Protein backbone atom coordinates (compact mmCIF):
# COMPACT_ATOMS: atom_id res chain seq x y z
CA UNK A 1 -0.70 4.97 -18.16
CA UNK A 2 2.29 2.93 -16.95
CA UNK A 3 2.36 0.78 -13.83
CA UNK A 4 3.13 2.49 -10.55
CA UNK A 5 6.71 1.21 -10.57
CA UNK A 6 7.29 2.39 -14.16
CA UNK A 7 5.73 5.80 -13.58
CA UNK A 8 7.67 6.43 -10.39
CA UNK A 9 10.93 5.37 -12.07
CA UNK A 10 10.27 7.96 -14.78
CA UNK A 11 9.67 10.67 -12.16
CA UNK A 12 12.77 9.99 -10.04
CA UNK A 13 15.32 11.93 -12.17
CA UNK A 14 13.16 15.06 -12.15
CA UNK A 15 12.55 14.73 -8.41
CA UNK A 16 16.27 14.59 -7.74
CA UNK A 17 16.93 17.51 -10.06
CA UNK A 18 14.27 19.62 -8.35
CA UNK A 19 15.51 18.85 -4.84
CA UNK A 20 19.10 19.52 -5.84
CA UNK A 21 18.16 22.86 -7.37
CA UNK A 22 16.21 23.94 -4.30
CA UNK A 23 19.12 23.06 -2.02
CA UNK A 24 21.62 24.84 -4.24
CA UNK A 25 19.57 28.02 -4.72
CA UNK A 26 17.82 28.28 -1.35
CA UNK A 27 19.95 26.16 0.96
CA UNK A 28 21.01 29.03 3.22
CA UNK A 29 17.55 30.56 3.56
CA UNK A 30 15.96 30.46 7.03
CA UNK A 31 12.48 28.87 7.06
CA UNK A 32 11.79 28.68 10.79
CA UNK A 33 12.74 30.02 14.20
CA UNK A 34 12.49 28.12 17.45
CA UNK A 35 11.40 29.48 20.81
CA UNK A 36 12.27 27.94 24.14
CA UNK A 37 8.56 27.20 24.56
CA UNK A 38 8.54 25.24 21.30
CA UNK A 39 11.68 23.32 22.24
CA UNK A 40 10.04 22.19 25.48
CA UNK A 41 6.62 21.80 23.84
CA UNK A 42 7.30 19.00 21.38
CA UNK A 43 8.63 21.29 18.62
CA UNK A 44 5.08 22.37 17.84
CA UNK A 45 5.03 24.48 14.68
CA UNK A 46 8.77 24.26 14.04
CA UNK A 47 9.42 23.86 10.31
CA UNK A 48 12.23 21.35 10.18
CA UNK A 49 11.42 18.61 7.68
CA UNK A 50 10.16 18.22 4.11
CA UNK A 51 7.00 16.31 3.15
CA UNK A 52 5.68 16.56 -0.40
CA UNK A 53 2.83 14.04 -0.16
CA UNK A 54 0.42 16.26 1.76
CA UNK A 55 0.07 19.45 3.78
CA UNK A 56 -2.44 20.51 6.42
CA UNK A 57 -3.53 24.12 6.02
CA UNK A 58 -5.11 25.63 9.17
CA UNK A 59 -7.96 27.21 7.19
CA UNK A 60 -8.47 24.37 4.67
CA UNK A 61 -7.48 21.05 6.20
CA UNK A 62 -5.75 18.16 4.49
CA UNK A 63 -4.48 18.71 0.96
CA UNK A 64 -3.01 15.67 -0.81
CA UNK A 65 -0.66 16.51 -3.69
CA UNK A 66 -2.47 19.79 -4.28
CA UNK A 67 -5.98 18.32 -4.07
CA UNK A 68 -8.22 19.38 -1.16
CA UNK A 69 -9.37 16.14 0.45
CA UNK A 70 -13.06 16.43 -0.34
CA UNK A 71 -12.27 16.84 -4.03
CA UNK A 72 -10.73 13.36 -4.08
CA UNK A 73 -12.95 11.61 -1.52
CA UNK A 74 -14.28 9.23 -4.19
CA UNK A 75 -10.83 7.88 -5.05
CA UNK A 76 -10.23 4.35 -3.80
CA UNK A 77 -7.34 3.81 -1.37
CA UNK A 78 -5.02 2.27 -3.95
CA UNK A 79 -5.62 5.32 -6.17
CA UNK A 80 -4.74 7.53 -3.22
CA UNK A 81 -1.46 5.63 -2.78
CA UNK A 82 -0.64 6.14 -6.46
CA UNK A 83 -1.41 9.85 -6.06
CA UNK A 84 0.67 10.15 -2.89
CA UNK A 85 3.67 8.58 -4.56
CA UNK A 86 3.55 10.20 -8.01
CA UNK A 87 1.46 13.35 -7.62
CA UNK A 88 -0.83 12.00 -10.36
CA UNK A 89 -4.20 10.28 -10.35
CA UNK A 90 -3.99 6.86 -11.99
CA UNK A 91 -6.16 6.00 -14.97
CA UNK A 92 -8.32 2.86 -15.01
CA UNK A 93 -5.55 0.70 -16.46
CA UNK A 94 -2.98 1.80 -13.89
CA UNK A 95 -5.47 1.31 -11.04
CA UNK A 96 -6.28 -2.22 -12.17
CA UNK A 97 -2.58 -3.02 -12.53
CA UNK A 98 -1.92 -1.82 -8.98
CA UNK A 99 -4.88 -3.81 -7.64
CA UNK A 100 -3.54 -6.96 -9.30
CA UNK A 101 -0.07 -6.25 -7.95
CA UNK A 102 -1.36 -5.88 -4.39
CA UNK A 103 -3.41 -9.06 -4.73
CA UNK A 104 -0.28 -10.99 -5.76
CA UNK A 105 1.51 -9.69 -2.67
CA UNK A 106 -1.34 -10.43 -0.22
CA UNK A 107 -0.08 -13.84 0.92
CA UNK A 108 0.65 -13.88 4.64
CA UNK A 109 3.31 -16.46 5.65
CA UNK A 110 2.12 -19.16 8.05
CA UNK A 111 4.75 -18.16 10.60
CA UNK A 112 2.97 -14.81 11.01
CA UNK A 113 -0.30 -16.53 11.90
CA UNK A 114 1.62 -18.86 14.23
CA UNK A 115 3.03 -15.86 16.09
CA UNK A 116 -0.34 -14.11 16.32
CA UNK A 117 -2.09 -17.27 17.47
CA UNK A 118 0.54 -17.77 20.20
CA UNK A 119 0.23 -14.27 21.66
CA UNK A 120 -1.63 -13.88 24.98
CA UNK A 121 -5.40 -13.70 24.40
CA UNK A 122 -5.60 -10.24 25.97
CA UNK A 123 -2.89 -8.75 23.72
CA UNK A 124 -3.75 -5.32 22.38
CA UNK A 125 -4.66 -5.41 18.67
CA UNK A 126 -2.04 -2.74 17.92
CA UNK A 127 0.67 -4.84 19.56
CA UNK A 128 -0.44 -7.77 17.41
CA UNK A 129 -0.30 -5.68 14.22
CA UNK A 130 3.10 -4.16 14.96
CA UNK A 131 4.50 -7.56 15.93
CA UNK A 132 3.25 -9.17 12.71
CA UNK A 133 4.89 -6.45 10.61
CA UNK A 134 8.17 -6.79 12.48
CA UNK A 135 8.11 -10.60 12.20
CA UNK A 136 7.93 -10.23 8.40
CA UNK A 137 11.11 -8.13 8.29
CA UNK A 138 13.02 -11.20 7.14
CA UNK A 139 11.27 -10.79 3.78
CA UNK A 140 12.51 -7.24 3.19
CA UNK A 141 13.73 -6.71 -0.36
CA UNK A 142 15.61 -3.59 0.76
CA UNK A 143 17.64 -5.47 3.36
CA UNK A 144 18.44 -8.26 0.87
CA UNK A 145 19.58 -5.78 -1.79
CA UNK A 146 21.57 -3.73 0.70
CA UNK A 147 23.36 -6.78 2.09
CA UNK A 148 24.42 -7.78 -1.43
CA UNK A 149 25.51 -4.22 -2.25
CA UNK A 150 23.73 -1.64 -4.38
CA UNK A 151 24.05 1.96 -5.54
CA UNK A 152 22.60 4.72 -3.40
CA UNK A 153 20.49 5.96 -6.31
CA UNK A 154 18.78 2.55 -6.46
CA UNK A 155 17.65 2.53 -2.81
CA UNK A 156 14.10 3.47 -3.79
CA UNK A 157 13.58 0.35 -5.94
CA UNK A 158 13.61 -2.30 -3.18
CA UNK A 159 11.97 0.22 -0.81
CA UNK A 160 9.03 0.39 -3.22
CA UNK A 161 8.98 -3.40 -3.35
CA UNK A 162 8.78 -3.49 0.45
CA UNK A 163 6.04 -0.84 0.40
CA UNK A 164 3.90 -2.82 -2.02
CA UNK A 165 4.49 -6.05 -0.11
CA UNK A 166 3.39 -4.39 3.11
CA UNK A 167 0.32 -2.84 1.51
CA UNK A 168 -0.58 -6.24 0.09
CA UNK A 169 -0.50 -8.01 3.44
CA UNK A 170 -1.63 -5.26 5.83
CA UNK A 171 -5.41 -5.62 5.33
CA UNK A 172 -5.10 -9.41 5.49
CA UNK A 173 -3.11 -9.29 8.74
CA UNK A 174 -5.30 -6.57 10.24
CA UNK A 175 -8.54 -8.40 9.43
CA UNK A 176 -7.08 -11.75 10.50
CA UNK A 177 -5.91 -10.49 13.88
CA UNK A 178 -9.38 -8.98 14.43
CA UNK A 179 -10.90 -12.42 13.97
CA UNK A 180 -8.26 -14.10 16.14
CA UNK A 181 -8.28 -11.54 18.94
CA UNK A 182 -12.05 -11.23 19.25
CA UNK A 183 -13.02 -14.86 18.62
CA UNK A 184 -14.62 -14.33 15.22
CA UNK A 185 -13.16 -17.42 13.56
CA UNK A 186 -10.31 -18.17 11.18
CA UNK A 187 -8.75 -15.46 8.99
CA UNK A 188 -10.44 -14.95 5.61
CA UNK A 189 -8.38 -15.01 2.41
CA UNK A 190 -7.89 -12.02 0.12
CA UNK A 191 -10.12 -12.08 -2.97
CA UNK A 192 -8.08 -11.02 -6.06
CA UNK A 193 -11.03 -9.60 -8.00
CA UNK A 194 -11.95 -7.11 -5.26
CA UNK A 195 -10.37 -3.73 -4.60
CA UNK A 196 -8.14 -3.15 -1.56
CA UNK A 197 -10.74 -1.44 0.66
CA UNK A 198 -13.57 -3.83 -0.16
CA UNK A 199 -11.24 -6.74 0.55
CA UNK A 200 -10.47 -5.35 3.99
CA UNK A 201 -14.19 -4.97 4.75
CA UNK A 202 -14.94 -8.48 3.52
CA UNK A 203 -12.07 -10.12 5.44
CA UNK A 204 -13.31 -8.65 8.73
CA UNK A 205 -16.30 -10.96 8.30
CA UNK A 206 -18.98 -8.44 9.29
CA UNK A 207 -22.36 -8.68 7.49
CA UNK A 208 -22.52 -6.28 4.56
CA UNK A 209 -25.51 -7.22 2.37
CA UNK A 210 -25.76 -3.75 0.79
CA UNK A 211 -22.04 -3.15 0.30
CA UNK A 212 -22.28 0.05 2.34
CA UNK A 213 -19.65 -1.09 4.84
CA UNK A 214 -17.20 -1.61 1.97
CA UNK A 215 -17.97 1.96 0.84
CA UNK A 216 -17.24 3.24 4.35
CA UNK A 217 -13.99 1.28 4.51
CA UNK A 218 -12.79 2.78 1.22
CA UNK A 219 -13.62 6.25 2.52
CA UNK A 220 -12.02 5.59 5.90
CA UNK A 221 -8.78 4.33 4.33
CA UNK A 222 -8.75 7.33 1.99
CA UNK A 223 -9.30 9.92 4.72
CA UNK A 224 -6.67 8.61 7.16
CA UNK A 225 -3.97 7.90 4.57
CA UNK A 226 -1.68 10.88 5.22
CA UNK A 227 -1.48 14.05 7.32
CA UNK A 228 1.85 15.63 6.34
CA UNK A 229 5.12 14.53 7.95
CA UNK A 230 5.28 15.90 11.48
CA UNK A 231 2.69 13.81 13.29
CA UNK A 232 4.10 11.16 15.64
CA UNK A 233 3.59 8.12 13.42
CA UNK A 234 4.85 9.71 10.19
CA UNK A 235 7.74 11.47 11.92
CA UNK A 236 8.82 8.31 13.75
CA UNK A 237 8.65 6.27 10.55
CA UNK A 238 10.65 8.97 8.76
CA UNK A 239 13.34 9.03 11.46
CA UNK A 240 13.76 5.26 11.57
CA UNK A 241 13.74 5.05 7.78
CA UNK A 242 16.35 7.79 7.52
CA UNK A 243 18.85 5.38 9.10
CA UNK A 244 18.21 3.12 6.05
CA UNK A 245 16.15 0.77 8.17
CA UNK A 246 13.79 -1.07 5.84
CA UNK A 247 10.05 -0.45 5.61
CA UNK A 248 9.15 -3.26 8.03
CA UNK A 249 11.25 -1.72 10.79
CA UNK A 250 10.17 1.84 10.00
CA UNK A 251 6.43 1.25 9.66
CA UNK A 252 6.30 -0.92 12.75
CA UNK A 253 8.05 1.88 14.66
CA UNK A 254 5.66 4.50 13.29
CA UNK A 255 2.64 2.44 14.26
CA UNK A 256 4.02 1.99 17.77
CA UNK A 257 3.73 5.77 17.97
CA UNK A 258 0.22 5.67 16.55
CA UNK A 259 -0.75 3.27 19.36
CA UNK A 260 -0.15 6.04 21.91
CA UNK A 261 -3.30 7.48 23.52
CA UNK A 262 -2.44 11.02 22.39
CA UNK A 263 -2.27 9.98 18.72
CA UNK A 264 -4.50 7.05 17.77
CA UNK A 265 -6.98 6.66 20.61
CA UNK A 266 -9.11 9.70 19.91
CA UNK A 267 -11.93 8.19 17.83
CA UNK A 268 -12.83 5.60 20.47
CA UNK A 269 -12.72 8.28 23.19
CA UNK A 270 -15.09 10.40 21.11
CA UNK A 271 -17.48 7.49 20.57
CA UNK A 272 -17.35 6.66 24.28
CA UNK A 273 -18.45 10.20 25.09
CA UNK A 274 -21.32 10.01 22.58
CA UNK A 275 -22.53 6.73 24.10
CA UNK A 276 -22.28 8.23 27.60
CA UNK A 277 -24.45 11.15 26.45
CA UNK A 278 -27.03 8.75 25.04
CA UNK A 279 -27.01 6.65 28.20
CA UNK A 280 -27.52 9.71 30.36
CA UNK A 281 -30.48 10.94 28.35
CA UNK A 282 -31.94 7.58 27.32
CA UNK A 283 -31.25 8.09 23.63
CA UNK A 284 -30.69 11.12 21.42
CA UNK A 285 -30.89 14.18 23.70
CA UNK A 286 -32.74 17.38 22.95
CA UNK A 287 -30.71 20.33 21.75
CA UNK A 288 -31.20 22.15 25.05
CA UNK A 289 -30.22 19.12 27.15
CA UNK A 290 -27.08 18.62 25.09
CA UNK A 291 -26.19 22.29 25.41
CA UNK A 292 -26.48 22.12 29.21
CA UNK A 293 -24.45 18.90 29.37
CA UNK A 294 -21.70 20.35 27.17
CA UNK A 295 -21.41 23.38 29.47
CA UNK A 296 -21.37 21.06 32.48
CA UNK A 297 -18.54 19.06 30.91
CA UNK A 298 -16.45 22.14 30.11
CA UNK A 299 -16.98 23.87 33.46
CA UNK A 300 -15.90 20.73 35.28
CA UNK A 301 -12.48 21.05 33.61
CA UNK A 302 -13.04 18.36 31.00
CA UNK A 303 -13.11 18.64 27.22
CA UNK A 304 -15.61 17.57 24.60
CA UNK A 305 -13.70 14.80 22.78
CA UNK A 306 -13.25 15.34 19.05
CA UNK A 307 -13.44 19.14 19.14
CA UNK A 308 -10.29 21.16 18.54
CA UNK A 309 -7.13 20.35 16.60
CA UNK A 310 -3.45 21.23 16.97
CA UNK A 311 -3.29 22.71 13.46
CA UNK A 312 -6.79 23.16 12.03
CA UNK A 313 -8.91 26.23 12.67
CA UNK A 314 -11.94 25.07 10.65
CA UNK A 315 -14.10 21.96 10.56
CA UNK A 316 -11.87 19.05 9.61
CA UNK A 317 -12.84 18.14 6.02
CA UNK A 318 -12.52 14.49 7.02
CA UNK A 319 -15.28 15.02 9.59
CA UNK A 320 -17.36 16.77 6.94
CA UNK A 321 -16.91 13.83 4.57
CA UNK A 322 -17.86 11.28 7.21
CA UNK A 323 -20.85 13.37 8.25
CA UNK A 324 -22.02 13.46 4.64
CA UNK A 325 -21.64 9.68 4.44
CA UNK A 326 -23.68 9.22 7.60
CA UNK A 327 -26.52 11.39 6.32
CA UNK A 328 -26.62 9.39 3.12
CA UNK A 329 -26.30 5.83 4.45
CA UNK A 330 -27.42 5.83 8.09
CA UNK A 331 -29.55 8.94 8.72
CA UNK A 332 -31.82 7.12 11.20
CA UNK A 333 -29.05 5.63 13.33
CA UNK A 334 -29.40 7.17 16.83
CA UNK A 335 -25.64 7.20 17.48
CA UNK A 336 -25.00 9.06 14.24
CA UNK A 337 -27.92 11.41 14.98
CA UNK A 338 -26.28 12.24 18.31
CA UNK A 339 -22.95 12.90 16.60
CA UNK A 340 -24.68 15.22 14.13
CA UNK A 341 -26.53 17.03 16.94
CA UNK A 342 -23.25 17.53 18.82
CA UNK A 343 -21.85 19.12 15.64
CA UNK A 344 -24.77 21.56 15.57
CA UNK A 345 -24.57 22.44 19.28
CA UNK A 346 -21.04 22.11 20.65
CA UNK A 347 -19.18 24.68 18.48
CA UNK A 348 -21.64 27.34 19.69
CA UNK A 349 -21.14 26.24 23.29
CA UNK A 350 -17.36 26.30 22.89
CA UNK A 351 -17.51 29.84 21.50
CA UNK A 352 -19.55 31.01 24.49
CA UNK A 353 -17.26 29.17 26.90
CA UNK A 354 -14.23 30.73 25.21
CA UNK A 355 -15.74 34.18 25.78
CA UNK A 356 -16.20 33.28 29.46
CA UNK A 357 -12.53 32.33 29.67
CA UNK A 358 -11.42 35.61 28.10
CA UNK A 359 -13.53 37.60 30.55
CA UNK A 360 -11.91 35.67 33.38
CA UNK A 361 -8.44 36.58 32.06
CA UNK A 362 -7.73 33.16 30.58
CA UNK A 363 -6.70 32.16 27.07
CA UNK A 364 -9.46 31.72 24.47
CA UNK A 365 -10.17 28.35 22.86
CA UNK A 366 -8.21 28.32 19.59
CA UNK A 367 -10.45 25.94 17.64
CA UNK A 368 -14.08 25.06 18.37
CA UNK A 369 -14.61 22.85 15.33
CA UNK A 370 -14.67 19.03 15.08
CA UNK A 371 -11.73 16.95 13.94
CA UNK A 372 -11.93 13.63 12.11
CA UNK A 373 -12.34 11.58 15.29
CA UNK A 374 -15.58 13.27 16.30
CA UNK A 375 -17.62 11.18 13.88
CA UNK A 376 -15.70 8.24 12.43
CA UNK A 377 -16.28 5.88 15.36
CA UNK A 378 -20.06 6.21 15.14
CA UNK A 379 -19.99 5.00 11.53
CA UNK A 380 -17.89 1.95 12.41
CA UNK A 381 -20.18 1.22 15.35
CA UNK A 382 -23.24 1.25 13.11
CA UNK A 383 -21.85 -1.54 10.92
CA UNK A 384 -21.10 -3.78 13.88
CA UNK A 385 -17.45 -2.98 14.48
CA UNK A 386 -17.91 -2.39 18.20
CA UNK A 387 -14.54 -3.50 19.56
CA UNK A 388 -13.05 -0.12 20.45
CA UNK A 389 -9.41 -1.28 20.96
CA UNK A 390 -9.39 -2.33 17.31
CA UNK A 391 -10.16 1.11 15.89
CA UNK A 392 -6.53 2.22 15.87
CA UNK A 393 -5.66 -0.80 13.70
CA UNK A 394 -7.98 0.58 11.00
CA UNK A 395 -6.21 3.93 11.31
CA UNK A 396 -2.87 2.11 10.96
CA UNK A 397 -3.71 0.27 7.75
CA UNK A 398 -4.66 3.57 6.19
CA UNK A 399 -1.80 5.67 7.57
CA UNK A 400 0.69 3.09 6.29
CA UNK A 401 0.01 4.44 2.79
CA UNK A 402 1.31 7.86 3.77
CA UNK A 403 4.29 6.52 5.69
CA UNK A 404 5.29 4.14 2.90
CA UNK A 405 4.95 6.74 0.14
CA UNK A 406 7.14 9.12 2.15
CA UNK A 407 9.74 6.39 2.72
CA UNK A 408 9.98 5.62 -0.99
CA UNK A 409 10.22 9.30 -1.94
CA UNK A 410 12.90 9.92 0.68
CA UNK A 411 14.98 7.03 -0.65
CA UNK A 412 14.54 8.32 -4.22
CA UNK A 413 15.61 11.84 -3.22
CA UNK A 414 18.49 10.69 -1.03
CA UNK A 415 17.12 12.32 2.13
CA UNK A 416 19.73 12.49 4.88
CA UNK A 417 19.61 10.74 8.23
CA UNK A 418 17.61 12.65 10.82
CA UNK A 419 19.88 14.14 13.49
CA UNK A 420 18.65 17.35 15.11
CA UNK A 421 20.87 19.05 17.66
CA UNK A 422 19.72 18.87 21.27
CA UNK A 423 20.72 21.27 24.02
CA UNK A 424 20.52 21.11 27.81
CA UNK A 425 18.29 23.09 30.11
CA UNK A 426 21.40 24.76 31.48
CA UNK A 427 22.40 25.84 27.94
CA UNK A 428 18.95 27.37 27.45
CA UNK A 429 19.24 29.30 30.72
CA UNK A 430 22.66 30.63 29.71
CA UNK A 431 21.92 31.44 26.07
CA UNK A 432 18.32 32.63 26.28
CA UNK A 433 18.40 34.03 29.82
């Protein structure tokens, strides 16, 4: 199989032909309606953008390029990136070529470390990551090509160069800032003969005598890589990139969105709740005690973190995959045991509580099943990654694969600048009233 760059170049003409045909044949077809409630509610459910890398089906979960997530859970992150970009799984030769390519691009300029070292010691890890990416914008191949002048149909070429450069340095920067921010020592260099995920695990500097942490990191980077195009980080990156801003600007912007508590903070909130449960009961609670505590939490007006999802109506397959990993590699860990017990108990409690709400004339609970954040933090905690503010950085390194693949595809297809029409509240009152 060809290198990623060669394979994508071969696919571009067909991609453009397909998109052109769809626009010509179906361009006037209506694919969505918008209610006033949706307009005020963050455009929830409004179909208004195209994303071919992945979809999230309410009854199935994440599907990447036609593959349900759990069918490709054993792919390494760099293989996932190849799949996201081309729609094809790479063979061994193509995977090794991509790994070598990323290793060559893993050098982090000294000025980046200088900036990170000079930041206030209490800086948030996400601010450090986003700043480092933005500082590197001067190295953008896209900006250099654009400034010199290039054809529109060639925009994807330097965008792919920027994407690969960012993927090469992201784990190095992310691991390095972890060590700087939390006093772990100097950054650790990338090791060319290791894969992308194992390198990230190694550069964090946590003990991993069995290699199980590296396995978790590969799985974590796989599972968080993409989640269609409408989530805050992907949508923000798409919007900024649509203005022909380069990947450094666009990804930094997207990750600023991911840093928001409503988007990237969930896994640490879930783990906090699990640890609070264990503190209250002096360890793993009994099933009955957990059931009573869950009802107490819900009836006090609070939620059980990690349960429910804006789109999904089944157990998040990412949770299922992490739960399977936990049972295989850390079945005796009390934090994981508590997470697993919550999975056995809380959906039943939520169903009963939903029935109570309906009887009281209130809306039922739409989804009682766990999302990815319900269990991922417990696995990280087991391997010694206990600094909660850092968890969103891990999410970011992974999600960058989805954002970057979408940026490259959009440049290849000539996607237009994002510019939805806004209306005033007075207009809504006049038109819809």
